[in-house]
Amino acid sequence: MATTRCAQCGSPLVEITLNRGESTMTMQSCSTCDTRSWRADGELLPIHRVLEAVGRR
């Protein structure tokens, strides 16, 4: 398995996947430089879209 690397500093990224109904979102986090991003279907998501999706009941 290949390790995804941070675009900012080159360190390995931690990936956490969240399944919410039909959608799947993945957060990538760098423990070295504290960079984080969220993606769904390969598309970069702004944090407000992530919060809207997880806040729905």
N, C-alpha and C. Protein backbone atom coordinates (compact mmCIF):
# COMPACT_ATOMS: atom_id res chain seq x y z
N MET A 1 0.84 -1.17 0.00
CA MET A 1 0.00 0.00 0.00
C MET A 1 0.89 1.24 0.00
N ALA A 2 0.62 2.17 -0.90
CA ALA A 2 1.39 3.41 -0.98
C ALA A 2 0.91 4.40 0.07
N THR A 3 1.85 5.14 0.64
CA THR A 3 1.51 6.15 1.62
C THR A 3 1.32 7.48 0.92
N THR A 4 0.21 8.14 1.20
CA THR A 4 -0.04 9.46 0.65
C THR A 4 0.79 10.46 1.45
N ARG A 5 1.41 11.39 0.75
CA ARG A 5 2.30 12.37 1.37
C ARG A 5 1.70 13.77 1.33
N CYS A 6 2.03 14.56 2.33
CA CYS A 6 1.58 15.94 2.44
C CYS A 6 2.19 16.78 1.32
N ALA A 7 1.37 17.58 0.65
CA ALA A 7 1.86 18.45 -0.41
C ALA A 7 2.70 19.60 0.14
N GLN A 8 2.51 19.94 1.42
CA GLN A 8 3.23 21.06 2.03
C GLN A 8 4.63 20.67 2.50
N CYS A 9 4.73 19.51 3.22
CA CYS A 9 6.01 19.17 3.84
C CYS A 9 6.54 17.79 3.48
N GLY A 10 5.74 16.96 2.80
CA GLY A 10 6.19 15.65 2.36
C GLY A 10 6.05 14.53 3.38
N SER A 11 5.54 14.84 4.57
CA SER A 11 5.33 13.81 5.60
C SER A 11 4.14 12.93 5.25
N PRO A 12 4.09 11.73 5.81
CA PRO A 12 2.93 10.85 5.56
C PRO A 12 1.65 11.46 6.12
N LEU A 13 0.55 11.24 5.41
CA LEU A 13 -0.76 11.72 5.85
C LEU A 13 -1.53 10.62 6.55
N VAL A 14 -2.31 11.01 7.54
CA VAL A 14 -3.27 10.12 8.17
C VAL A 14 -4.59 10.34 7.45
N GLU A 15 -5.27 9.26 7.07
CA GLU A 15 -6.55 9.37 6.39
C GLU A 15 -7.64 8.75 7.24
N ILE A 16 -8.73 9.49 7.42
CA ILE A 16 -9.89 9.01 8.16
C ILE A 16 -11.09 9.14 7.24
N THR A 17 -11.83 8.04 7.07
CA THR A 17 -13.00 8.04 6.19
C THR A 17 -14.27 8.05 7.02
N LEU A 18 -15.21 8.89 6.62
CA LEU A 18 -16.49 9.03 7.29
C LEU A 18 -17.58 8.66 6.31
N ASN A 19 -18.37 7.66 6.66
CA ASN A 19 -19.50 7.25 5.83
C ASN A 19 -20.77 7.85 6.42
N ARG A 20 -21.50 8.56 5.59
CA ARG A 20 -22.73 9.21 6.02
C ARG A 20 -23.79 8.90 4.98
N GLY A 21 -24.60 7.87 5.24
CA GLY A 21 -25.61 7.47 4.26
C GLY A 21 -24.96 7.00 2.98
N GLU A 22 -25.29 7.66 1.90
CA GLU A 22 -24.76 7.31 0.58
C GLU A 22 -23.40 7.94 0.29
N SER A 23 -23.01 8.92 1.09
CA SER A 23 -21.77 9.64 0.80
C SER A 23 -20.62 9.18 1.69
N THR A 24 -19.42 9.29 1.14
CA THR A 24 -18.20 8.97 1.86
C THR A 24 -17.27 10.17 1.73
N MET A 25 -16.76 10.63 2.87
CA MET A 25 -15.81 11.74 2.88
C MET A 25 -14.54 11.26 3.56
N THR A 26 -13.41 11.73 3.07
CA THR A 26 -12.12 11.36 3.64
C THR A 26 -11.38 12.61 4.07
N MET A 27 -10.91 12.60 5.33
CA MET A 27 -10.08 13.68 5.82
C MET A 27 -8.64 13.22 5.76
N GLN A 28 -7.79 14.07 5.22
CA GLN A 28 -6.35 13.81 5.21
C GLN A 28 -5.71 14.83 6.14
N SER A 29 -4.88 14.35 7.07
CA SER A 29 -4.27 15.20 8.07
C SER A 29 -2.77 14.93 8.17
N CYS A 30 -1.99 16.00 8.25
CA CYS A 30 -0.55 15.89 8.41
C CYS A 30 -0.20 16.21 9.86
N SER A 31 0.42 15.28 10.54
CA SER A 31 0.81 15.48 11.94
C SER A 31 2.02 16.39 12.08
N THR A 32 2.75 16.59 11.01
CA THR A 32 3.95 17.42 11.06
C THR A 32 3.63 18.91 10.91
N CYS A 33 2.90 19.27 9.87
CA CYS A 33 2.62 20.70 9.63
C CYS A 33 1.17 21.09 9.90
N ASP A 34 0.35 20.14 10.35
CA ASP A 34 -1.03 20.38 10.76
C ASP A 34 -1.95 20.79 9.61
N THR A 35 -1.60 20.40 8.38
CA THR A 35 -2.46 20.64 7.23
C THR A 35 -3.57 19.61 7.21
N ARG A 36 -4.80 20.04 6.93
CA ARG A 36 -5.93 19.12 6.82
C ARG A 36 -6.76 19.45 5.59
N SER A 37 -7.33 18.41 4.98
CA SER A 37 -8.25 18.62 3.87
C SER A 37 -9.29 17.51 3.87
N TRP A 38 -10.44 17.81 3.30
CA TRP A 38 -11.53 16.84 3.17
C TRP A 38 -11.82 16.65 1.69
N ARG A 39 -12.12 15.40 1.31
CA ARG A 39 -12.44 15.07 -0.08
C ARG A 39 -13.64 14.14 -0.13
N ALA A 40 -14.39 14.25 -1.22
CA ALA A 40 -15.47 13.32 -1.52
C ALA A 40 -15.43 13.08 -3.02
N ASP A 41 -15.39 11.83 -3.40
CA ASP A 41 -15.32 11.46 -4.83
C ASP A 41 -14.18 12.17 -5.54
N GLY A 42 -13.04 12.31 -4.87
CA GLY A 42 -11.87 12.94 -5.46
C GLY A 42 -11.91 14.46 -5.49
N GLU A 43 -13.02 15.04 -5.04
CA GLU A 43 -13.20 16.49 -5.07
C GLU A 43 -12.86 17.08 -3.71
N LEU A 44 -12.08 18.14 -3.69
CA LEU A 44 -11.75 18.85 -2.47
C LEU A 44 -13.00 19.54 -1.94
N LEU A 45 -13.30 19.34 -0.65
CA LEU A 45 -14.49 19.93 -0.05
C LEU A 45 -14.12 21.06 0.90
N PRO A 46 -14.83 22.19 0.82
CA PRO A 46 -14.63 23.23 1.84
C PRO A 46 -15.24 22.75 3.16
N ILE A 47 -14.70 23.21 4.25
CA ILE A 47 -15.12 22.73 5.56
C ILE A 47 -16.62 22.97 5.81
N HIS A 48 -17.19 24.05 5.28
CA HIS A 48 -18.62 24.29 5.52
C HIS A 48 -19.49 23.18 4.90
N ARG A 49 -19.07 22.60 3.78
CA ARG A 49 -19.82 21.49 3.19
C ARG A 49 -19.70 20.23 4.04
N VAL A 50 -18.54 20.00 4.64
CA VAL A 50 -18.36 18.86 5.53
C VAL A 50 -19.26 19.01 6.74
N LEU A 51 -19.26 20.18 7.35
CA LEU A 51 -20.08 20.42 8.54
C LEU A 51 -21.57 20.31 8.23
N GLU A 52 -21.99 20.79 7.06
CA GLU A 52 -23.40 20.63 6.66
C GLU A 52 -23.76 19.16 6.52
N ALA A 53 -22.89 18.38 5.93
CA ALA A 53 -23.18 16.96 5.69
C ALA A 53 -23.25 16.16 7.01
N VAL A 54 -22.34 16.43 7.93
CA VAL A 54 -22.34 15.64 9.17
C VAL A 54 -23.35 16.17 10.17
N GLY A 55 -23.81 17.40 9.98
CA GLY A 55 -24.79 18.00 10.89
C GLY A 55 -26.23 17.62 10.58
N ARG A 56 -26.48 17.03 9.42
CA ARG A 56 -27.85 16.64 9.05
C ARG A 56 -28.32 15.44 9.86
N ARG A 57 -29.57 15.42 10.16
CA ARG A 57 -30.14 14.27 10.88
C ARG A 57 -31.05 13.51 9.97
